[in-house]
Every structure is written in C-alpha cells, then in structure tokens.
Protein backbone atom coordinates (compact mmCIF):
# COMPACT_ATOMS: atom_id res chain seq x y z
CA MET A 1 68.08 -19.13 68.90
CA THR A 2 65.55 -22.09 68.54
CA GLU A 3 62.89 -20.10 70.25
CA LEU A 4 63.01 -17.28 67.62
CA ARG A 5 62.45 -19.43 64.80
CA THR A 6 59.27 -21.25 66.25
CA PRO A 7 56.02 -19.38 65.52
CA PRO A 8 53.98 -18.08 68.32
CA ALA A 9 51.50 -20.63 69.44
CA SER A 10 48.54 -18.36 68.64
CA ARG A 11 49.46 -18.76 64.88
CA VAL A 12 47.28 -20.47 62.53
CA HIS A 13 49.32 -21.81 59.61
CA GLU A 14 46.27 -21.50 57.11
CA VAL A 15 45.86 -17.86 57.94
CA ASP A 16 49.42 -17.32 57.25
CA VAL A 17 49.38 -19.16 54.20
CA LEU A 18 46.35 -17.35 52.83
CA ARG A 19 47.59 -13.75 53.96
CA GLY A 20 50.92 -14.82 52.23
CA PHE A 21 48.82 -15.50 48.92
CA ALA A 22 46.55 -12.35 49.23
CA LEU A 23 49.85 -10.30 49.27
CA ALA A 24 50.62 -11.39 45.65
CA GLY A 25 47.27 -10.18 44.19
CA ILE A 26 47.49 -6.92 46.18
CA LEU A 27 50.89 -6.20 44.62
CA VAL A 28 49.51 -7.07 41.21
CA ALA A 29 46.42 -4.70 41.86
CA ASN A 30 48.38 -2.00 42.99
CA ILE A 31 51.69 -2.06 40.72
CA GLY A 32 49.77 -0.59 38.14
CA PHE A 33 49.75 2.89 39.59
CA PHE A 34 53.41 2.98 40.29
CA ALA A 35 53.78 1.94 36.58
CA ASP A 36 51.57 4.60 35.25
CA PRO A 37 50.47 7.36 37.84
CA GLY A 38 48.77 9.36 35.35
CA TYR A 39 45.19 8.03 35.39
CA ALA A 40 45.18 8.37 39.24
CA MET A 41 45.96 12.03 38.99
CA ALA A 42 43.46 12.60 36.30
CA GLY A 43 40.81 10.89 38.33
CA ASN A 44 38.77 9.35 35.78
CA MET A 45 41.36 8.01 33.53
CA PRO A 46 41.08 4.13 32.96
CA MET A 47 44.25 2.04 33.33
CA PRO A 48 45.99 1.30 29.90
CA GLU A 49 43.72 -1.16 27.84
CA GLY A 50 44.79 -4.45 26.59
CA PRO A 51 44.66 -8.34 27.82
CA VAL A 52 47.00 -7.63 30.77
CA ALA A 53 44.59 -4.90 31.98
CA MET A 54 41.64 -7.06 31.18
CA ALA A 55 42.70 -10.10 33.24
CA ILE A 56 43.82 -7.88 36.22
CA THR A 57 40.30 -6.40 36.44
CA ALA A 58 38.75 -9.13 35.88
CA PHE A 59 40.55 -11.64 38.20
CA VAL A 60 42.44 -9.51 40.59
CA LEU A 61 40.91 -6.28 41.42
CA THR A 62 38.85 -5.95 44.28
CA LYS A 63 39.38 -9.64 44.97
CA PHE A 64 42.40 -9.78 46.85
CA TYR A 65 41.73 -7.07 49.31
CA ILE A 66 38.40 -8.98 50.12
CA ILE A 67 40.68 -12.05 51.38
CA PHE A 68 43.08 -9.60 53.33
CA SER A 69 40.15 -7.93 55.02
CA PHE A 70 38.60 -11.60 55.97
CA LEU A 71 41.78 -12.64 57.42
CA PHE A 72 42.10 -9.14 59.58
CA GLY A 73 38.72 -10.15 61.19
CA TYR A 74 39.79 -13.76 61.64
CA SER A 75 43.22 -12.54 63.21
CA PHE A 76 41.18 -10.18 65.39
CA THR A 77 39.85 -13.28 67.15
CA LEU A 78 43.44 -14.56 67.57
CA GLN A 79 44.55 -11.23 69.03
CA MET A 80 41.68 -11.48 71.71
CA ARG A 81 42.57 -14.85 72.81
CA SER A 82 46.14 -13.96 73.34
CA ALA A 83 45.09 -10.85 75.20
CA GLU A 84 42.85 -13.17 77.33
CA ARG A 85 45.67 -15.49 77.86
CA ALA A 86 47.90 -12.74 79.11
CA GLY A 87 45.11 -11.29 81.22
CA ALA A 88 45.31 -8.01 79.26
CA SER A 89 42.58 -5.83 78.34
CA VAL A 90 41.42 -6.72 74.78
CA LYS A 91 39.97 -3.35 74.37
CA ALA A 92 43.22 -1.37 75.64
CA ARG A 93 45.18 -3.73 73.22
CA THR A 94 43.06 -3.20 70.16
CA LEU A 95 42.74 0.57 70.89
CA ARG A 96 46.59 0.87 70.88
CA ARG A 97 46.89 -1.43 67.95
CA CYS A 98 44.63 0.77 65.87
CA LEU A 99 46.27 3.77 66.69
CA GLY A 100 49.74 2.29 65.83
CA LEU A 101 48.25 0.93 62.47
CA PHE A 102 46.77 4.23 61.68
CA VAL A 103 49.96 6.05 62.20
CA ILE A 104 51.95 3.51 59.82
CA GLY A 105 49.30 3.60 57.38
CA LEU A 106 49.39 7.44 57.26
CA LEU A 107 53.12 7.62 56.64
CA HIS A 108 52.88 4.84 54.09
CA GLY A 109 50.10 6.53 52.47
CA ILE A 110 52.06 10.05 52.11
CA LEU A 111 55.43 8.73 51.43
CA LEU A 112 55.10 5.52 49.28
CA TRP A 113 51.61 4.53 48.34
CA VAL A 114 48.49 6.84 48.55
CA GLY A 115 46.27 3.98 47.86
CA ASP A 116 47.21 2.61 51.29
CA ILE A 117 44.57 0.77 53.12
CA LEU A 118 45.94 0.55 56.30
CA THR A 119 44.32 3.68 57.90
CA LEU A 120 40.88 2.27 56.71
CA TYR A 121 41.81 -0.97 58.61
CA ALA A 122 42.51 0.99 61.92
CA VAL A 123 39.29 2.70 62.07
CA LEU A 124 37.29 -0.12 60.89
CA GLY A 125 39.12 -2.12 63.59
CA LEU A 126 37.33 0.03 66.19
CA ILE A 127 34.10 -0.60 64.58
CA LEU A 128 35.00 -4.68 65.00
CA LEU A 129 36.04 -4.00 68.61
CA SER A 130 32.52 -2.53 69.59
CA LEU A 131 31.15 -5.69 67.75
CA ARG A 132 33.32 -8.31 69.31
CA ASN A 133 30.64 -9.80 71.32
CA LEU A 134 28.30 -10.85 68.42
CA ARG A 135 27.60 -14.40 67.96
CA PRO A 136 28.89 -15.75 64.75
CA LYS A 137 25.74 -16.20 62.77
CA THR A 138 24.74 -12.56 63.70
CA ALA A 139 28.15 -11.48 62.49
CA VAL A 140 27.24 -13.29 59.17
CA VAL A 141 23.89 -11.75 58.79
CA ILE A 142 25.15 -8.22 59.27
CA GLY A 143 27.93 -8.63 57.00
CA SER A 144 25.38 -9.88 54.33
CA VAL A 145 23.02 -7.22 54.61
CA ILE A 146 25.76 -4.85 54.15
CA ILE A 147 26.87 -6.37 51.08
CA GLY A 148 23.13 -6.99 50.13
CA VAL A 149 22.49 -3.20 50.27
CA LEU A 150 25.75 -2.21 48.45
CA THR A 151 24.71 -4.22 45.61
CA LEU A 152 21.11 -2.67 45.67
CA LEU A 153 22.70 0.85 45.70
CA TRP A 154 24.74 0.45 42.90
CA SER A 155 22.18 -1.32 40.92
CA ALA A 156 19.61 1.46 41.81
CA LEU A 157 22.32 4.13 40.98
CA ALA A 158 22.92 2.08 37.33
CA TRP A 159 19.09 2.51 36.69
CA LEU A 160 18.94 6.28 37.68
CA THR A 161 22.23 6.67 35.11
CA THR A 162 20.13 5.50 32.24
CA LEU A 163 17.73 8.39 33.01
CA ASP A 164 20.16 10.67 31.74
CA PRO A 165 21.81 9.74 28.15
CA THR A 166 24.67 12.34 28.75
CA ALA A 167 25.76 10.51 32.14
CA GLY A 168 29.17 9.41 32.14
CA GLN A 169 32.45 10.50 33.34
CA PRO A 170 34.16 13.69 31.70
CA ALA A 171 37.11 12.97 29.33
CA ALA A 172 40.23 12.77 30.91
CA ASP A 173 42.81 15.37 30.41
CA PRO A 174 45.97 14.25 29.01
CA ALA A 175 47.93 17.21 30.34
CA VAL A 176 46.90 16.24 33.69
CA ALA A 177 48.25 12.62 33.25
CA ALA A 178 51.53 13.99 31.76
CA ARG A 179 52.23 16.17 34.87
CA ALA A 180 51.69 13.49 37.37
CA LEU A 181 53.98 11.00 35.30
CA ASP A 182 56.61 13.95 35.27
CA LEU A 183 56.19 14.35 38.98
CA ALA A 184 56.64 10.61 39.53
CA THR A 185 59.51 10.26 37.89
CA GLY A 186 61.32 13.59 38.68
CA GLY A 187 63.27 13.80 42.04
CA PRO A 188 62.25 12.31 45.44
CA LEU A 189 60.70 15.80 46.26
CA ASP A 190 58.62 15.77 43.18
CA PHE A 191 57.36 12.45 43.86
CA LEU A 192 56.65 13.34 47.37
CA SER A 193 54.62 16.57 46.27
CA LEU A 194 52.63 14.13 43.98
CA GLN A 195 51.85 12.13 46.84
CA LEU A 196 50.85 15.11 49.08
CA GLU A 197 48.36 16.22 46.13
CA LEU A 198 46.92 12.74 45.35
CA TYR A 199 46.40 11.46 49.06
CA PRO A 200 43.69 13.26 50.39
CA PRO A 201 41.18 12.68 47.36
CA LEU A 202 42.26 8.99 46.94
CA VAL A 203 42.00 8.16 50.66
CA THR A 204 38.54 9.47 50.65
CA MET A 205 37.48 7.24 47.68
CA ILE A 206 39.11 4.37 49.30
CA TRP A 207 37.29 4.67 52.66
CA LEU A 208 33.84 5.35 50.91
CA PHE A 209 33.91 2.83 48.20
CA GLN A 210 35.89 -0.10 49.87
CA GLY A 211 34.95 0.83 53.68
CA PRO A 212 31.55 -0.94 53.69
CA THR A 213 32.78 -4.19 51.85
CA ALA A 214 35.91 -4.26 54.27
CA LEU A 215 33.48 -4.16 57.23
CA ALA A 216 31.36 -6.93 55.73
CA MET A 217 34.41 -9.05 55.14
CA PHE A 218 35.55 -8.17 58.87
CA LEU A 219 32.53 -9.43 60.26
CA PHE A 220 32.74 -12.56 58.20
CA GLY A 221 36.35 -13.18 59.29
CA LEU A 222 35.00 -12.61 62.93
CA ALA A 223 32.51 -15.14 62.70
CA ALA A 224 34.88 -17.56 61.08
CA GLY A 225 37.34 -16.89 63.93
CA LYS A 226 34.98 -17.48 66.57
CA SER A 227 34.05 -20.73 65.00
CA ARG A 228 37.77 -21.61 64.60
CA LEU A 229 36.98 -22.60 60.96
CA LEU A 230 40.57 -22.60 59.87
CA GLU A 231 41.61 -24.23 62.90
CA GLU A 232 39.66 -27.38 62.41
CA PRO A 233 40.02 -28.47 58.71
CA GLU A 234 37.89 -31.72 59.14
CA ARG A 235 34.86 -29.48 59.35
CA TRP A 236 35.38 -27.53 55.99
CA SER A 237 37.41 -29.95 53.84
CA ARG A 238 34.35 -31.52 52.53
CA LEU A 239 33.01 -28.14 51.44
CA LEU A 240 35.76 -26.95 49.45
CA PRO A 241 34.84 -28.49 45.99
CA ARG A 242 31.34 -26.89 46.21
CA ILE A 243 32.82 -23.55 47.01
CA GLN A 244 35.04 -23.93 44.00
CA TRP A 245 32.01 -24.76 41.57
CA VAL A 246 29.82 -21.94 42.95
CA GLY A 247 32.82 -19.26 43.40
CA PHE A 248 34.26 -19.90 39.82
CA GLY A 249 31.13 -20.36 38.05
CA VAL A 250 29.51 -17.35 39.22
CA GLY A 251 32.58 -15.22 40.12
CA ILE A 252 34.31 -15.64 36.56
CA PRO A 253 31.83 -14.55 34.37
CA GLY A 254 30.78 -11.69 37.09
CA GLY A 255 34.73 -10.71 36.66
CA ILE A 256 34.65 -10.63 33.02
CA LEU A 257 31.73 -8.47 32.97
CA PHE A 258 33.31 -6.06 35.70
CA ALA A 259 36.32 -5.82 33.17
CA TRP A 260 34.41 -5.28 30.19
CA THR A 261 32.35 -2.42 31.48
CA SER A 262 35.36 -0.78 33.31
CA GLY A 263 35.92 2.51 32.06
CA ALA A 264 32.78 2.67 30.09
CA SER A 265 30.62 5.58 30.45
CA GLY A 266 27.01 5.73 31.65
CA PRO A 267 24.97 2.90 33.19
CA GLU A 268 26.97 -0.07 31.88
CA GLU A 269 30.20 0.56 34.28
CA VAL A 270 27.87 1.35 37.40
CA ALA A 271 25.92 -2.11 36.68
CA GLY A 272 29.46 -4.04 36.39
CA VAL A 273 30.28 -2.30 39.80
CA SER A 274 27.08 -3.65 41.33
CA VAL A 275 27.66 -7.27 39.89
CA ASN A 276 31.24 -7.37 41.16
CA THR A 277 29.99 -6.29 44.42
CA LEU A 278 28.96 -9.63 45.05
CA THR A 279 30.48 -11.87 42.37
CA SER A 280 34.19 -10.71 43.72
CA ILE A 281 33.33 -12.24 47.04
CA LEU A 282 32.29 -15.49 45.51
CA LEU A 283 35.65 -15.51 43.22
CA ALA A 284 37.64 -14.68 46.40
CA ALA A 285 36.10 -17.50 47.96
CA ALA A 286 36.98 -19.82 45.13
CA TYR A 287 40.43 -18.72 45.10
CA VAL A 288 40.85 -19.39 48.90
CA ALA A 289 39.05 -22.87 48.79
CA THR A 290 41.30 -23.73 45.99
CA LEU A 291 44.69 -22.63 47.78
CA LEU A 292 43.47 -24.66 50.71
CA ARG A 293 43.09 -27.82 49.04
CA VAL A 294 46.62 -27.28 47.27
CA ILE A 295 48.40 -27.13 50.39
CA ARG A 296 46.86 -30.03 51.95
CA ARG A 297 48.18 -31.92 48.94
CA PHE A 298 51.20 -29.99 48.40
CA PRO A 299 52.55 -28.95 51.90
CA ALA A 300 55.42 -27.53 50.36
CA ALA A 301 53.49 -24.68 48.59
CA GLY A 302 52.05 -23.76 52.38
CA ARG A 303 55.37 -23.60 53.80
CA ALA A 304 56.77 -21.48 50.82
CA LEU A 305 53.87 -18.78 51.25
CA ALA A 306 53.49 -18.89 55.26
CA PRO A 307 56.82 -16.96 56.05
CA ALA A 308 55.42 -13.89 53.70
CA GLY A 309 52.02 -14.10 55.41
CA ARG A 310 53.48 -14.12 59.24
CA VAL A 311 54.96 -10.85 58.34
CA ALA A 312 52.47 -9.46 56.12
CA ALA A 313 52.64 -5.86 57.44
CA SER A 314 56.14 -5.52 56.42
CA ASN A 315 55.56 -7.23 53.10
CA TYR A 316 52.65 -4.82 52.45
CA VAL A 317 54.89 -1.81 53.28
CA GLY A 318 57.95 -3.52 51.66
CA GLN A 319 55.72 -4.07 48.24
CA SER A 320 55.60 -0.04 48.01
CA VAL A 321 59.14 0.38 49.06
CA LEU A 322 60.50 -1.69 46.00
CA ALA A 323 58.04 -0.51 43.46
CA CYS A 324 58.95 2.98 44.39
CA LEU A 325 62.50 2.34 43.71
CA VAL A 326 61.68 0.59 40.37
CA PHE A 327 59.15 3.24 38.97
CA THR A 328 59.43 6.30 40.87
CA GLY A 329 62.02 9.35 41.64
CA TYR A 330 62.91 7.48 44.67
CA GLY A 331 64.89 5.19 42.41
CA LEU A 332 64.99 4.08 38.69
CA ALA A 333 61.95 6.44 37.73
CA LEU A 334 60.89 4.09 34.98
CA ALA A 335 56.94 4.70 35.30
CA GLY A 336 55.64 5.16 31.85
CA LYS A 337 58.46 3.28 30.38
CA LEU A 338 57.39 -0.51 30.66
CA SER A 339 54.82 -2.64 28.84
CA PRO A 340 52.04 -4.14 31.01
CA ILE A 341 53.60 -7.36 30.58
CA ALA A 342 57.10 -6.15 31.59
CA VAL A 343 55.27 -4.39 34.62
CA MET A 344 54.05 -8.16 35.53
CA GLY A 345 57.23 -9.29 35.58
CA VAL A 346 58.47 -6.53 37.98
CA ALA A 347 55.69 -7.66 40.21
CA LEU A 348 56.89 -11.15 39.89
CA VAL A 349 60.47 -10.22 40.84
CA ILE A 350 59.12 -8.12 44.04
CA TYR A 351 57.07 -10.79 45.32
CA THR A 352 59.77 -13.52 44.93
CA VAL A 353 62.27 -11.34 46.73
CA LEU A 354 60.00 -10.71 49.34
CA LEU A 355 59.18 -14.30 49.81
CA TRP A 356 62.69 -15.04 50.24
CA LEU A 357 63.24 -12.25 52.47
CA SER A 358 60.63 -13.07 54.52
CA ALA A 359 62.05 -16.55 54.88
CA LEU A 360 65.50 -15.27 55.78
CA TRP A 361 64.28 -12.94 58.28
CA LEU A 362 61.99 -15.24 60.25
CA ARG A 363 65.21 -17.59 60.90
CA ASN A 364 66.58 -15.35 63.29
CA HIS A 365 63.29 -13.17 64.26
CA ARG A 366 59.85 -13.85 65.58
CA TYR A 367 58.46 -10.75 64.09
CA GLY A 368 59.02 -8.56 61.11
CA PRO A 369 60.13 -5.03 61.50
CA VAL A 370 56.49 -3.26 61.29
CA GLU A 371 54.97 -6.09 63.44
CA HIS A 372 57.57 -5.65 65.74
CA VAL A 373 56.39 -1.99 66.15
CA LEU A 374 52.68 -2.78 66.13
CA ARG A 375 53.49 -5.37 68.89
CA ARG A 376 55.46 -2.88 71.03
CA ILE A 377 52.48 -0.55 70.77
CA THR A 378 49.81 -3.16 71.31
CA ASN A 379 51.31 -4.49 74.45
CA TRP A 380 52.65 -1.23 75.44
CA THR A 381 56.12 -2.57 76.10
C-alpha cells in the first residue's frame, strides 16, 4: 500500500501544482455555459453582462487553457523520458496515448461538455511528436512566430472591419436561446440532443481559434521541459518578480480591454481579441510566477493543489459531470435559474469537492480513473 501512495519518480511537484491550479480557472471559464447554454446555441449571444462576467472575461477566459497547454508540452517531455527509461518507443507510446485521448475527448464532448479540448490536444500531440527533436531555442522561436502571426492577423482583420460600417454580428435570436435552455433543462435525452446539435460547430470553432495558440504553448512547454525549467527552481526563482511585473503590468490592462470590447460589434471586438492574443500569455505567465512564489513560501498550498494536478484528466471530466448534475437535465436542471455570483459559488463547491476527492483517491491509488485508462492504452498493457 505504501507504494501506491508514493508518486512516480518522474512526477514534478511544480507541474502537478500548476495543473491543479489551472483546473480552477478552466472550471470558472466553462461553467458559464452549463449555467446559461442559450448564448452558445445562438452562436453569437454574449454571456450575461455584469461585474462577474466582466471579471471572468478579463482575468480568466483564455488565460488558463494557456497554462494547461504549456503544461501539456512540458509533460510530453516527461513522458518521453519515461519511455526512454523503459526502453519503449516514444513514437508508439505517443500515438496510442493521442488515440486514447481523442476517444475520451470525443465521448466527453458529446455526452457532457461540447467545449471539450481533449480532441484538439490529441491532434496537436501528433504535431508535437513530429517536432520532438527541436532544440529548446528553436521551439520558442516557432511558438513566438505563431503568436506574432496570430496577433497580426487579428489586427489586420480589425482594420478590414473598419472599412465596412455595417460590419458586426447579427442580433441573437432570443427564441433560439430559449430553445437551448429548454433542451438543457429537459430530460437526459433532451440534453443529449442539444449536445449533438452544438458539438460539430463548436468543436470546429475551438480547433480554429484555440488550436494555433495551444500549439504555440505546447512548443513553449516542450522547450521548458527539455531545459528542465521547473525541475531546477534555482534557475528561475530570481526571474519570477520580473515576470510578475511585466505579466500583470501588461496583462491586466489587456484583459480589461478584452472584456470591455467583448460582445461589441465591429472592429472594437476584433481589436480586443488581437490584443488579448498576446497579453493573455503574459497574464498567464504572471499567474504561474505568483503561484510558484506562493508555494515556495507556503508549501502547504502546493500540497493542497498537487493531488488534483496528478489526476488532472479525471478532474477535467469530473468538473463536467458535476456541472451537468447541477445545471442540466442529467440532474437538478438549474440552468438559467442562478445569478452569476451563485454560479461562481457552485464552481467553488465543485472545485473544493474535487480537491478533496483527488487527495482521498490518491491515498490508495497511483493514478486517477481516466489516467489509468490512458496509461493502459499508452503502454498497451
């Protein structure tokens, strides 16, 4: 039993802590759909306005999946080392792992959360596999070029939008939103029919709009993992205050601009996206730097978050399960009935429950349920 309670030697405590922290932001970003699915069905209806929505858009949206994507790239280097120690093929293991991740993501997207990102990660994982021999500096350069090109493309689109005074999103149809809410809060089959209707267009949007940034962060994570950046804290600890100053100094104004322009018609919204493409990475870096400093000073905070990070895939799916049980026809069907601040309260409860369950599970198991399935597929045992 002692062996089961001991983390594998290849684990990096800081990676687990950061992953556990990122799960909180992903939950806050995603739970708005479960609480009010109408805007997703309409395709262009913004999330409910107000200070809660403003804060989430400014400080959460797009920031935490960036951290998660970076950690995916970092973890890929740990998996490569594990395969090399075992004398196994990195290519074969990664191909099987990506296949397993894709299947799990597909089921997750159809049954629970149409905004699932695991299928995207599975496909991008194949690209990362082909780029695994890149030198760290080269990986950083390619990732930076991707972000730079994206920023320029959004900026060009914002300028082009100014040429058409009538440009902008068409008005959302309240009847469409009402129908989505009715399906979400109907029976389980009603909710499943909504999922099947929403999944194809939304997964396409996720792949197109989040894919390039996620790939760039994969490459940054690959470079950091190859350099063992998080495994040798003495190398980066002196840089953390500078990262915080730059990240918060640029990222917070960029996030506020993004929130202020979200939902606006015309070039303002596109310009906000352009700015956010860059500043969201800086703000995410500041979050990471802050947490790393916190856990060095208060190790208990790291110990509280690490179990959730060790079973991150199980927690990611678990968030959707609990959110569905609260908001959809799978359970209490509370979608559309809670205020934004109450929805954030539900998110806090879900995250707290999952932190507790993660620590409880790892007392007697080395891997989470989803991680166990992925491991079996990856190792083909």
